[in-house]
Amino acid sequence: MLNSVLRQFIFVIFGFAFITSVAADDSFFDDDVFDDSEVEFDEWSDDSDIFGEDNTIEEKGLSWLDLGVTQKWGFNPASDYSTTKERTELIIGTSGSVSDSGYGEVEIKATKYWPSDSNYSTEKSDLEVEKAFLQFSFDDWSTKIGKYTIGWGELEGGALDVVNPSGGLTDPSMIPQWFLGATRYFDHSDLSFFYNTNPKVNKSKLLILKNDTYDEFGMRYGISSEGSDMAFYLGQLVPNDALINLTDGVVYATPYQLLGFGMNKAFDDYLLKFDVAYKNNIQHNRTGQFIKVDRLDWSLAFDVQNNDRQWLISINSQYLMDYASDYLTPSILGVGVSAKRNNMSYMLSVSDKFGDSDWKWGLSNVISSNNDLNLSSATLDWDINDQWQASFSGTYIDAKDDRAYAALDDYQRLNLEIKYQY
């Protein structure tokens, strides 16, 4: 894995060297004002408050260094509170300008798994490049190369949010990949492209992925107007999760084609979000066969903001355009169960602060696969100060017997995290 990371990192550095050979010669990561990667270059100007005389920034000893240490514990209340997670994560990164028109970020994460951690039996430690990209702006163009995440659509985990894999049901955080991207900005619209020569695929460590190397690429055209945004999507994507062929026990992840549309509309404190995607040539199991089908996915959500309290209500649908009574869905244990033509999921979440304190809470409930699975979770966060944070969370899953998620029935976890940031 480390050799692969090094090869990919050299690819990024080569791209940087090529681009900067035609740009002005400036120091690497020399500007501390570019600390927020979510801000586009055209948003920075001399009128920005960050350059104001009244703005005071507390200096730290190593201003170029971003350092974070997180200690994580997980416990299973259903098994006498046995420890399922005990790991230490160290994240080191830096960010800043590259020449007059560029910006870059690098973030590396090292993880130490302790003997009581469930991962300890297969890996004692891990080293990953979590993020490493360079972004350059020239007139109305912006180019980005490296390892990062791409968010498509309006809803996280919705019909169009399919470019980056996620950690799964109990850890839905996005997994970065290596991309080459470009965006062309117009007055009220933008056109962006991405290309990925080695897409990441989630699969069980116990199964063999029988796959060729496929390219992944896509295009997005966005239109902005007062109170609303919309975008059109087109691409060839590789499934983020490999699918087991129930006839031979081998897992596959072959490309499918996507045509999509997403929009949002603001109404006072309400934000309506909608995504729809037509997906062609998606792999599916049928009794004795491994076939390709077409599917129509859509997602609808209401986001309600009232002071610090935020509500999110969402509905997701996956509708099989082609359907037969012998269609099968693999369970977590690799056993086929009957597939339904329309697969519906629902989510309700609410979060808020305790008055003006540094404490925040959140509750959520997810009903998936037409009520085959019901996941409830609660979180409690404490911002101790600017450097220290603590988080406590709990998750419980109720799943139907003889269905795809049956193995997760009575899943219980309590998690505690303590984080230090420099």
Protein backbone atom coordinates (compact mmCIF):
# COMPACT_ATOMS: atom_id res chain seq x y z
CA MET A 1 0.00 0.00 0.00
CA LEU A 2 2.81 2.41 0.89
CA ASN A 3 4.47 1.94 -2.50
CA SER A 4 1.18 2.76 -4.20
CA VAL A 5 0.82 5.90 -2.09
CA LEU A 6 4.35 6.99 -2.93
CA ARG A 7 3.72 6.50 -6.65
CA GLN A 8 0.56 8.56 -6.47
CA PHE A 9 2.24 11.26 -4.42
CA ILE A 10 5.08 11.47 -6.96
CA PHE A 11 2.39 11.90 -9.62
CA VAL A 12 1.06 14.95 -7.73
CA ILE A 13 4.54 16.41 -7.25
CA PHE A 14 5.29 15.91 -10.96
CA GLY A 15 2.10 17.76 -11.83
CA PHE A 16 3.11 20.55 -9.49
CA ALA A 17 6.57 20.80 -11.02
CA PHE A 18 5.13 20.93 -14.55
CA ILE A 19 2.62 23.65 -13.76
CA THR A 20 4.97 25.79 -11.72
CA SER A 21 7.60 25.62 -14.47
CA VAL A 22 5.44 28.09 -16.39
CA ALA A 23 4.37 30.13 -13.33
CA ALA A 24 6.14 32.67 -11.17
CA ASP A 25 8.77 31.38 -8.74
CA ASP A 26 7.33 31.73 -5.23
CA SER A 27 7.81 29.80 -2.01
CA PHE A 28 5.73 26.68 -1.35
CA PHE A 29 2.84 27.08 1.14
CA ASP A 30 3.97 30.56 2.15
CA ASP A 31 0.62 32.24 2.82
CA ASP A 32 -1.31 31.48 5.99
CA VAL A 33 -4.57 33.09 4.88
CA PHE A 34 -5.55 30.06 2.77
CA ASP A 35 -6.46 27.86 5.73
CA ASP A 36 -10.05 27.13 4.65
CA SER A 37 -10.14 24.70 1.74
CA GLU A 38 -13.88 25.26 1.24
CA VAL A 39 -13.36 28.85 -0.03
CA GLU A 40 -12.96 29.31 -3.78
CA PHE A 41 -10.19 31.52 -5.12
CA ASP A 42 -12.56 34.10 -6.58
CA GLU A 43 -13.89 34.74 -3.06
CA TRP A 44 -10.54 36.12 -1.86
CA SER A 45 -10.05 39.83 -2.41
CA ASP A 46 -8.46 42.86 -0.81
CA ASP A 47 -11.88 43.68 0.67
CA SER A 48 -12.03 40.44 2.64
CA ASP A 49 -12.20 40.91 6.41
CA ILE A 50 -9.25 38.61 6.81
CA PHE A 51 -7.00 41.44 5.64
CA GLY A 52 -8.62 44.06 7.91
CA GLU A 53 -6.52 45.91 10.47
CA ASP A 54 -8.97 45.07 13.25
CA ASN A 55 -8.68 41.35 12.65
CA THR A 56 -6.39 39.80 15.26
CA ILE A 57 -5.12 36.27 14.77
CA GLU A 58 -3.45 34.40 17.58
CA GLU A 59 -0.03 33.36 16.35
CA LYS A 60 1.17 29.84 16.96
CA GLY A 61 4.76 28.72 17.03
CA LEU A 62 4.67 26.72 13.79
CA SER A 63 2.08 28.62 11.78
CA TRP A 64 2.45 26.32 8.76
CA LEU A 65 1.70 23.14 10.72
CA ASP A 66 -1.73 21.60 11.28
CA LEU A 67 -1.55 18.86 13.91
CA GLY A 68 -4.30 16.72 15.36
CA VAL A 69 -4.26 13.79 17.78
CA THR A 70 -7.42 11.79 18.44
CA GLN A 71 -7.92 8.97 20.89
CA LYS A 72 -10.92 6.75 20.10
CA TRP A 73 -12.68 4.10 22.17
CA GLY A 74 -15.66 1.93 21.28
CA PHE A 75 -17.66 -0.38 23.55
CA ASN A 76 -20.34 -3.02 22.98
CA PRO A 77 -23.06 -2.82 25.68
CA ALA A 78 -24.57 -6.09 24.41
CA SER A 79 -21.34 -7.93 25.24
CA ASP A 80 -20.59 -6.76 28.78
CA TYR A 81 -19.19 -3.45 27.42
CA SER A 82 -16.26 -5.21 25.78
CA THR A 83 -13.87 -2.94 23.88
CA THR A 84 -14.35 -3.00 20.11
CA LYS A 85 -12.29 0.08 19.26
CA GLU A 86 -9.14 1.48 20.82
CA ARG A 87 -6.98 3.43 18.44
CA THR A 88 -4.86 6.57 18.29
CA GLU A 89 -4.86 8.74 15.19
CA LEU A 90 -2.21 11.32 14.39
CA ILE A 91 -2.91 13.79 11.57
CA ILE A 92 -0.20 16.10 10.25
CA GLY A 93 -0.89 18.60 7.51
CA THR A 94 -0.05 21.93 5.99
CA SER A 95 -1.75 24.31 3.57
CA GLY A 96 -1.09 27.59 1.82
CA SER A 97 -0.39 29.34 -1.44
CA VAL A 98 1.70 28.01 -4.29
CA SER A 99 2.95 30.84 -6.53
CA ASP A 100 0.60 33.77 -7.23
CA SER A 101 -2.31 31.68 -8.45
CA GLY A 102 -2.11 28.40 -6.59
CA TYR A 103 -3.12 26.75 -3.35
CA GLY A 104 -2.26 23.37 -1.87
CA GLU A 105 -2.97 21.07 1.03
CA VAL A 106 -1.27 17.95 2.35
CA GLU A 107 -2.64 15.79 5.18
CA ILE A 108 -1.20 12.47 6.35
CA LYS A 109 -2.86 10.22 8.94
CA ALA A 110 -1.08 7.57 11.00
CA THR A 111 -3.23 5.15 13.00
CA LYS A 112 -2.13 2.91 15.85
CA TYR A 113 -4.48 0.00 16.66
CA TRP A 114 -4.20 -1.22 20.24
CA PRO A 115 -4.60 -4.94 21.14
CA SER A 116 -8.25 -4.56 22.21
CA ASP A 117 -9.21 -2.98 18.87
CA SER A 118 -11.15 -5.20 16.45
CA ASN A 119 -8.69 -4.31 13.66
CA TYR A 120 -5.64 -5.41 15.65
CA SER A 121 -5.87 -9.02 14.46
CA THR A 122 -5.32 -7.95 10.81
CA GLU A 123 -3.30 -4.72 11.08
CA LYS A 124 -1.37 -3.13 13.93
CA SER A 125 -0.97 0.30 12.30
CA ASP A 126 -1.75 2.19 9.13
CA LEU A 127 -0.31 5.16 7.25
CA GLU A 128 -2.41 6.98 4.66
CA VAL A 129 -2.22 10.15 2.62
CA GLU A 130 -5.63 11.53 3.58
CA LYS A 131 -5.38 14.61 1.38
CA ALA A 132 -2.78 15.94 -1.05
CA PHE A 133 -3.79 18.33 -3.78
CA LEU A 134 -2.72 21.40 -5.72
CA GLN A 135 -5.19 23.89 -7.13
CA PHE A 136 -4.39 26.66 -9.62
CA SER A 137 -6.59 29.45 -10.94
CA PHE A 138 -6.02 31.16 -14.28
CA ASP A 139 -8.58 33.78 -15.31
CA ASP A 140 -11.91 31.87 -15.39
CA TRP A 141 -10.33 28.43 -15.01
CA SER A 142 -9.41 26.41 -11.95
CA THR A 143 -7.52 23.10 -12.05
CA LYS A 144 -7.07 20.65 -9.21
CA ILE A 145 -4.90 17.55 -9.06
CA GLY A 146 -4.30 15.15 -6.19
CA LYS A 147 -6.21 13.27 -3.51
CA TYR A 148 -9.44 14.86 -2.28
CA THR A 149 -13.21 14.37 -2.22
CA ILE A 150 -15.79 15.39 -4.82
CA GLY A 151 -19.35 16.02 -3.66
CA TRP A 152 -22.03 15.61 -6.33
CA GLY A 153 -25.65 16.48 -5.75
CA GLU A 154 -27.43 18.29 -2.95
CA LEU A 155 -27.75 15.49 -0.38
CA GLU A 156 -24.91 13.71 1.37
CA GLY A 157 -25.32 10.03 0.62
CA GLY A 158 -28.10 10.78 -1.85
CA ALA A 159 -28.76 9.67 -5.42
CA LEU A 160 -25.88 11.73 -6.86
CA ASP A 161 -23.36 11.64 -4.02
CA VAL A 162 -21.59 8.63 -5.54
CA VAL A 163 -18.09 9.72 -6.60
CA ASN A 164 -16.29 9.01 -3.31
CA PRO A 165 -16.89 5.82 -1.29
CA SER A 166 -18.03 6.13 2.31
CA GLY A 167 -16.98 4.18 5.35
CA GLY A 168 -20.33 2.40 5.61
CA LEU A 169 -23.48 2.52 7.72
CA THR A 170 -21.77 3.14 11.05
CA ASP A 171 -19.00 5.37 9.65
CA PRO A 172 -20.37 7.33 6.67
CA SER A 173 -17.39 9.69 6.30
CA MET A 174 -16.17 10.19 2.73
CA ILE A 175 -12.99 8.45 1.53
CA PRO A 176 -10.75 10.69 -0.67
CA GLN A 177 -9.51 9.47 -4.06
CA TRP A 178 -6.92 10.59 -6.62
CA PHE A 179 -8.48 12.96 -9.15
CA LEU A 180 -7.58 15.35 -11.92
CA GLY A 181 -10.25 18.05 -12.10
CA ALA A 182 -10.94 21.33 -13.87
CA THR A 183 -13.66 23.99 -13.58
CA ARG A 184 -14.64 26.79 -15.95
CA TYR A 185 -16.50 29.67 -14.28
CA PHE A 186 -19.08 31.84 -16.05
CA ASP A 187 -21.16 34.76 -14.73
CA HIS A 188 -23.93 32.64 -13.19
CA SER A 189 -22.80 29.10 -13.96
CA ASP A 190 -19.83 26.75 -13.95
CA LEU A 191 -18.72 23.65 -15.86
CA SER A 192 -16.49 21.10 -14.13
CA PHE A 193 -14.83 17.82 -15.11
CA PHE A 194 -13.01 15.09 -13.20
CA TYR A 195 -10.98 12.01 -14.12
CA ASN A 196 -9.89 9.11 -11.93
CA THR A 197 -7.65 6.40 -13.36
CA ASN A 198 -7.81 4.07 -10.33
CA PRO A 199 -11.15 4.27 -8.48
CA LYS A 200 -11.33 2.90 -4.95
CA VAL A 201 -13.79 0.07 -4.28
CA ASN A 202 -14.98 -1.14 -0.88
CA LYS A 203 -15.02 -4.91 -0.50
CA SER A 204 -14.70 -7.58 2.14
CA LYS A 205 -11.13 -8.57 2.94
CA LEU A 206 -12.21 -12.20 2.72
CA LEU A 207 -13.41 -11.95 -0.89
CA ILE A 208 -11.55 -11.69 -4.18
CA LEU A 209 -12.27 -8.69 -6.40
CA LYS A 210 -12.25 -9.94 -9.99
CA ASN A 211 -11.97 -6.74 -11.91
CA ASP A 212 -10.13 -4.98 -14.68
CA THR A 213 -8.85 -1.45 -14.15
CA TYR A 214 -11.55 0.98 -15.24
CA ASP A 215 -11.38 4.72 -15.65
CA GLU A 216 -13.89 6.95 -13.90
CA PHE A 217 -14.84 10.36 -15.25
CA GLY A 218 -17.68 12.84 -15.04
CA MET A 219 -18.99 16.28 -15.90
CA ARG A 220 -21.15 18.74 -13.95
CA TYR A 221 -22.82 21.91 -15.23
CA GLY A 222 -24.16 24.16 -12.46
CA ILE A 223 -26.44 27.20 -12.71
CA SER A 224 -26.85 29.70 -9.86
CA SER A 225 -29.70 32.15 -9.33
CA GLU A 226 -31.11 34.10 -6.41
CA GLY A 227 -32.50 31.69 -3.84
CA SER A 228 -31.78 28.50 -5.80
CA ASP A 229 -29.16 26.43 -7.60
CA MET A 230 -29.38 23.59 -10.09
CA ALA A 231 -26.92 21.29 -11.82
CA PHE A 232 -26.78 18.59 -14.50
CA TYR A 233 -24.50 15.55 -14.24
CA LEU A 234 -23.07 13.03 -16.68
CA GLY A 235 -20.44 10.38 -16.07
CA GLN A 236 -19.05 6.87 -16.11
CA LEU A 237 -18.60 5.68 -12.54
CA VAL A 238 -17.30 2.56 -10.83
CA PRO A 239 -19.52 1.30 -7.96
CA ASN A 240 -18.14 2.34 -4.58
CA ASP A 241 -19.11 -1.05 -3.13
CA ALA A 242 -18.21 -4.29 -4.87
CA LEU A 243 -21.11 -6.70 -5.44
CA ILE A 244 -20.81 -10.44 -4.88
CA ASN A 245 -21.90 -12.73 -7.72
CA LEU A 246 -24.02 -15.27 -5.88
CA THR A 247 -23.36 -17.90 -8.56
CA ASP A 248 -19.55 -18.03 -8.16
CA GLY A 249 -18.82 -16.18 -4.89
CA VAL A 250 -16.55 -13.62 -6.59
CA VAL A 251 -17.09 -9.87 -6.20
CA TYR A 252 -17.17 -7.41 -9.10
CA ALA A 253 -17.25 -3.64 -9.62
CA THR A 254 -17.74 -2.76 -13.30
CA PRO A 255 -18.62 0.73 -14.59
CA TYR A 256 -22.11 2.12 -15.03
CA GLN A 257 -23.31 5.28 -16.73
CA LEU A 258 -25.09 8.11 -14.90
CA LEU A 259 -27.30 10.97 -16.06
CA GLY A 260 -28.48 13.22 -13.25
CA PHE A 261 -30.03 16.47 -12.07
CA GLY A 262 -29.94 18.24 -8.72
CA MET A 263 -31.41 21.44 -7.33
CA ASN A 264 -32.05 23.38 -4.14
CA LYS A 265 -34.51 26.15 -3.32
CA ALA A 266 -34.53 28.37 -0.23
CA PHE A 267 -37.76 29.48 1.49
CA ASP A 268 -36.99 31.67 4.51
CA ASP A 269 -35.52 29.19 7.04
CA TYR A 270 -36.28 26.19 4.82
CA LEU A 271 -34.05 24.65 2.18
CA LEU A 272 -35.54 22.14 -0.25
CA LYS A 273 -33.06 19.73 -1.88
CA PHE A 274 -33.73 17.31 -4.70
CA ASP A 275 -31.54 14.87 -6.67
CA VAL A 276 -32.43 12.39 -9.38
CA ALA A 277 -30.14 10.00 -11.29
CA TYR A 278 -30.70 7.49 -14.07
CA LYS A 279 -28.10 4.72 -13.78
CA ASN A 280 -27.45 2.37 -16.69
CA ASN A 281 -25.77 -1.06 -16.57
CA ILE A 282 -25.73 -1.60 -12.81
CA GLN A 283 -24.81 -5.15 -11.80
CA HIS A 284 -27.49 -7.21 -10.12
CA ASN A 285 -28.11 -10.81 -9.06
CA ARG A 286 -30.85 -13.01 -10.42
CA THR A 287 -31.37 -16.70 -9.66
CA GLY A 288 -28.45 -18.42 -11.41
CA GLN A 289 -27.45 -15.25 -13.27
CA PHE A 290 -25.36 -12.11 -12.85
CA ILE A 291 -26.98 -9.41 -14.98
CA LYS A 292 -26.96 -5.68 -15.65
CA VAL A 293 -30.03 -3.54 -15.02
CA ASP A 294 -31.13 0.10 -15.20
CA ARG A 295 -32.16 1.95 -12.05
CA LEU A 296 -33.74 5.30 -11.25
CA ASP A 297 -32.61 6.88 -7.96
CA TRP A 298 -34.00 10.02 -6.38
CA SER A 299 -33.59 11.88 -3.09
CA LEU A 300 -35.69 14.62 -1.50
CA ALA A 301 -34.84 16.54 1.67
CA PHE A 302 -35.98 19.48 3.78
CA ASP A 303 -33.31 21.32 5.75
CA VAL A 304 -34.79 23.59 8.44
CA GLN A 305 -32.56 26.04 10.34
CA ASN A 306 -33.95 27.82 13.41
CA ASN A 307 -31.18 29.65 15.26
CA ASP A 308 -28.80 26.87 16.36
CA ARG A 309 -31.36 24.10 15.90
CA GLN A 310 -31.24 22.25 12.59
CA TRP A 311 -33.70 19.68 11.31
CA LEU A 312 -33.11 17.41 8.30
CA ILE A 313 -35.79 15.18 6.82
CA SER A 314 -34.90 13.11 3.76
CA ILE A 315 -36.33 10.34 1.56
CA ASN A 316 -34.26 8.19 -0.80
CA SER A 317 -35.55 5.82 -3.46
CA GLN A 318 -33.91 3.21 -5.72
CA TYR A 319 -36.33 1.95 -8.38
CA LEU A 320 -35.39 -0.96 -10.66
CA MET A 321 -36.51 -0.21 -14.22
CA ASP A 322 -36.19 -3.90 -15.08
CA TYR A 323 -37.60 -6.31 -12.52
CA ALA A 324 -38.39 -9.99 -12.08
CA SER A 325 -39.59 -11.96 -9.07
CA ASP A 326 -36.32 -13.92 -8.86
CA TYR A 327 -34.08 -10.87 -8.40
CA LEU A 328 -31.78 -11.28 -5.38
CA THR A 329 -29.91 -8.98 -3.02
CA PRO A 330 -26.80 -10.34 -1.23
CA SER A 331 -26.97 -10.11 2.55
CA ILE A 332 -24.01 -9.02 4.67
CA LEU A 333 -23.13 -12.71 5.07
CA GLY A 334 -23.23 -13.29 1.30
CA VAL A 335 -26.56 -15.09 1.20
CA GLY A 336 -29.14 -14.05 -1.39
CA VAL A 337 -32.49 -12.64 -0.23
CA SER A 338 -35.38 -11.54 -2.42
CA ALA A 339 -35.00 -8.05 -3.90
CA LYS A 340 -37.79 -5.51 -4.00
CA ARG A 341 -38.42 -3.35 -7.04
CA ASN A 342 -38.49 -0.08 -5.09
CA ASN A 343 -36.05 0.30 -2.21
CA MET A 344 -36.96 3.22 0.08
CA SER A 345 -34.94 4.82 2.89
CA TYR A 346 -35.86 7.61 5.30
CA MET A 347 -33.88 9.80 7.67
CA LEU A 348 -34.76 12.31 10.38
CA SER A 349 -32.10 14.20 12.33
CA VAL A 350 -32.02 17.16 14.70
CA SER A 351 -29.09 18.97 16.32
CA ASP A 352 -28.76 21.96 18.64
CA LYS A 353 -26.66 23.61 21.34
CA PHE A 354 -27.40 23.77 25.06
CA GLY A 355 -28.12 27.48 25.26
CA ASP A 356 -24.95 29.53 24.88
CA SER A 357 -22.73 26.75 26.19
CA ASP A 358 -19.99 24.82 24.41
CA TRP A 359 -22.11 21.66 24.44
CA LYS A 360 -23.93 20.37 21.34
CA TRP A 361 -26.26 17.41 20.90
CA GLY A 362 -27.71 15.49 17.99
CA LEU A 363 -30.29 12.75 17.36
CA SER A 364 -30.94 10.82 14.16
CA ASN A 365 -32.98 7.89 12.91
CA VAL A 366 -32.48 6.06 9.61
CA ILE A 367 -34.96 3.55 8.20
CA SER A 368 -33.47 1.66 5.28
CA SER A 369 -34.54 -0.92 2.70
CA ASN A 370 -38.29 -0.59 3.27
CA ASN A 371 -37.92 -0.94 7.03
CA ASP A 372 -35.51 -3.88 6.84
CA LEU A 373 -33.13 -1.86 9.01
CA ASN A 374 -33.69 0.81 11.65
CA LEU A 375 -30.63 2.73 12.90
CA SER A 376 -30.84 5.21 15.79
CA SER A 377 -27.96 7.32 17.03
CA ALA A 378 -27.25 10.11 19.49
CA THR A 379 -24.22 12.39 19.88
CA LEU A 380 -22.96 14.77 22.53
CA ASP A 381 -20.06 17.12 21.67
CA TRP A 382 -18.08 19.39 23.97
CA ASP A 383 -15.80 22.15 22.65
CA ILE A 384 -13.54 22.37 25.67
CA ASN A 385 -11.45 25.17 24.17
CA ASP A 386 -9.85 26.07 20.83
CA GLN A 387 -7.52 23.06 21.01
CA TRP A 388 -9.49 20.36 22.80
CA GLN A 389 -12.77 18.67 21.86
CA ALA A 390 -14.59 15.65 23.22
CA SER A 391 -17.40 13.61 21.69
CA PHE A 392 -19.64 10.84 23.00
CA SER A 393 -22.01 8.89 20.76
CA GLY A 394 -24.24 5.83 20.78
CA THR A 395 -25.70 3.70 17.98
CA TYR A 396 -28.35 1.00 17.98
CA ILE A 397 -29.57 -1.08 15.00
CA ASP A 398 -32.71 -3.16 14.73
CA ALA A 399 -32.84 -5.37 11.61
CA LYS A 400 -35.39 -7.86 10.25
CA ASP A 401 -34.62 -11.56 10.17
CA ASP A 402 -33.87 -13.24 6.82
CA ARG A 403 -33.19 -9.91 5.13
CA ALA A 404 -30.00 -8.28 3.83
CA TYR A 405 -29.04 -6.62 7.16
CA ALA A 406 -30.13 -9.42 9.49
CA ALA A 407 -26.55 -9.86 10.77
CA LEU A 408 -26.66 -6.32 12.21
CA ASP A 409 -29.69 -6.93 14.40
CA ASP A 410 -29.14 -5.74 18.00
CA TYR A 411 -25.93 -3.91 16.98
CA GLN A 412 -24.97 -1.63 19.88
CA ARG A 413 -22.01 0.69 20.20
CA LEU A 414 -20.90 3.46 22.52
CA ASN A 415 -18.02 5.63 21.29
CA LEU A 416 -15.83 8.18 23.02
CA GLU A 417 -13.35 10.48 21.27
CA ILE A 418 -10.94 13.05 22.66
CA LYS A 419 -9.21 15.30 20.14
CA TYR A 420 -6.40 17.83 20.34
CA GLN A 421 -5.73 20.28 17.50
CA TYR A 422 -2.71 22.52 17.05
